[in-house]
């Protein structure tokens, strides 16, 4: 599955739009993690416990986005974005969303200068 943040995919032509897809994850750090993060925040700097939580959550949201696009029969997602919010002051919500499409190689666009696509496995 190819996932890009651009509305197009260099060297490919969109032949069908399958519609919007998303991957949603809501997570809460356990009491121990919150205590460690609270103590670390007293000294300033990066809070590794929360950084790790958000990295894992974004990865899982992206995996769910890819799964939902695959279920629709898409082979790419364009205009992918992340959004996040806090729920109840103790939980983080991360959503990955974009448009699921079917793309085919476009010989006439070969050698074009645009952003490179990164396949997501």
Protein backbone atom coordinates (compact mmCIF):
# COMPACT_ATOMS: atom_id res chain seq x y z
CA UNK A 1 0.00 0.00 0.00
CA UNK A 2 1.34 3.41 -0.98
CA UNK A 3 0.51 6.25 1.42
CA UNK A 4 1.35 9.87 0.56
CA UNK A 5 0.47 13.25 2.03
CA UNK A 6 0.10 14.80 -1.40
CA UNK A 7 -3.15 14.79 -3.41
CA UNK A 8 -1.38 13.01 -6.28
CA UNK A 9 1.17 10.27 -6.79
CA UNK A 10 4.00 11.02 -9.20
CA UNK A 11 4.25 8.51 -12.03
CA UNK A 12 0.75 7.16 -11.39
CA UNK A 13 -2.74 7.96 -12.57
CA UNK A 14 -5.77 7.67 -10.29
CA UNK A 15 -8.42 5.53 -11.92
CA UNK A 16 -10.91 5.28 -9.06
CA UNK A 17 -11.58 6.93 -5.72
CA UNK A 18 -12.85 4.57 -3.04
CA UNK A 19 -13.62 7.33 -0.56
CA UNK A 20 -12.33 8.57 2.76
CA UNK A 21 -10.61 6.13 5.11
CA UNK A 22 -9.32 6.54 8.63
CA UNK A 23 -7.58 4.74 11.44
CA UNK A 24 -8.49 5.80 14.97
CA UNK A 25 -6.74 4.96 18.24
CA UNK A 26 -7.44 6.19 21.77
CA UNK A 27 -4.80 5.45 24.37
CA UNK A 28 -4.12 6.19 28.00
CA UNK A 29 -0.79 5.84 29.75
CA UNK A 30 -1.01 3.74 32.90
CA UNK A 31 -0.61 5.17 36.39
CA UNK A 32 3.08 4.21 36.56
CA UNK A 33 3.83 5.92 33.25
CA UNK A 34 1.97 9.05 34.33
CA UNK A 35 3.94 9.18 37.59
CA UNK A 36 7.30 8.78 35.81
CA UNK A 37 6.30 11.40 33.23
CA UNK A 38 5.18 13.78 35.98
CA UNK A 39 8.49 13.44 37.79
CA UNK A 40 10.45 13.87 34.56
CA UNK A 41 8.49 17.04 33.73
CA UNK A 42 9.83 18.67 36.90
CA UNK A 43 13.31 18.69 35.35
CA UNK A 44 12.14 19.89 31.93
CA UNK A 45 13.02 18.45 28.55
CA UNK A 46 11.47 15.67 26.53
CA UNK A 47 9.00 13.38 28.27
CA UNK A 48 10.06 10.03 26.79
CA UNK A 49 7.05 8.15 28.19
CA UNK A 50 4.63 10.35 26.24
CA UNK A 51 6.80 10.50 23.11
CA UNK A 52 6.87 6.71 22.98
CA UNK A 53 3.11 6.52 23.58
CA UNK A 54 2.35 8.94 20.73
CA UNK A 55 4.79 7.29 18.30
CA UNK A 56 3.23 3.88 18.91
CA UNK A 57 -0.27 5.32 18.65
CA UNK A 58 0.46 7.05 15.32
CA UNK A 59 1.95 3.84 13.95
CA UNK A 60 -1.16 1.89 14.99
CA UNK A 61 -3.50 4.54 13.52
CA UNK A 62 -1.60 4.35 10.21
CA UNK A 63 -1.82 0.54 10.24
CA UNK A 64 -5.59 0.78 10.74
CA UNK A 65 -5.88 3.33 7.92
CA UNK A 66 -4.05 0.93 5.58
CA UNK A 67 -6.29 -1.96 6.68
CA UNK A 68 -9.44 0.06 5.99
CA UNK A 69 -8.15 1.15 2.56
CA UNK A 70 -7.31 -2.47 1.73
CA UNK A 71 -10.84 -3.55 2.68
CA UNK A 72 -12.18 -1.05 0.15
CA UNK A 73 -9.96 -2.50 -2.56
CA UNK A 74 -7.60 0.49 -2.78
CA UNK A 75 -3.90 0.23 -3.51
CA UNK A 76 -2.98 3.75 -2.32
CA UNK A 77 -4.03 6.51 0.06
CA UNK A 78 -3.55 10.14 -0.95
CA UNK A 79 -3.79 13.33 1.12
CA UNK A 80 -3.05 11.40 4.32
CA UNK A 81 -3.05 13.46 7.52
CA UNK A 82 -2.80 12.91 11.25
CA UNK A 83 -4.94 14.67 13.81
CA UNK A 84 -4.80 14.39 17.57
CA UNK A 85 -6.73 15.49 20.61
CA UNK A 86 -6.93 14.88 24.31
CA UNK A 87 -9.91 13.23 25.96
CA UNK A 88 -10.75 13.70 29.64
CA UNK A 89 -7.25 15.01 30.29
CA UNK A 90 -5.90 11.45 30.55
CA UNK A 91 -6.28 9.94 27.08
CA UNK A 92 -4.84 10.75 23.67
CA UNK A 93 -6.78 10.27 20.46
CA UNK A 94 -4.87 9.96 17.19
CA UNK A 95 -6.58 9.63 13.84
CA UNK A 96 -4.91 9.04 10.48
CA UNK A 97 -7.15 9.88 7.53
CA UNK A 98 -6.99 10.25 3.78
CA UNK A 99 -8.59 9.25 0.51
CA UNK A 100 -8.37 5.62 -0.63
CA UNK A 101 -7.74 5.32 -4.37
CA UNK A 102 -6.76 2.88 -7.06
CA UNK A 103 -3.72 4.02 -9.01
CA UNK A 104 -1.97 2.60 -12.06
CA UNK A 105 1.47 3.43 -13.43
CA UNK A 106 1.34 6.30 -15.92
CA UNK A 107 4.02 5.96 -18.59
CA UNK A 108 3.44 9.53 -19.78
CA UNK A 109 4.31 10.82 -16.29
CA UNK A 110 7.58 8.89 -16.02
CA UNK A 111 10.49 11.03 -14.98
CA UNK A 112 8.24 13.71 -13.50
CA UNK A 113 9.52 15.81 -10.63
CA UNK A 114 7.29 15.42 -7.62
CA UNK A 115 7.42 13.97 -4.15
CA UNK A 116 8.49 10.36 -3.88
CA UNK A 117 5.99 7.84 -2.56
CA UNK A 118 6.87 5.69 0.42
CA UNK A 119 5.18 2.28 0.51
CA UNK A 120 3.72 1.33 3.89
CA UNK A 121 3.82 -2.35 4.77
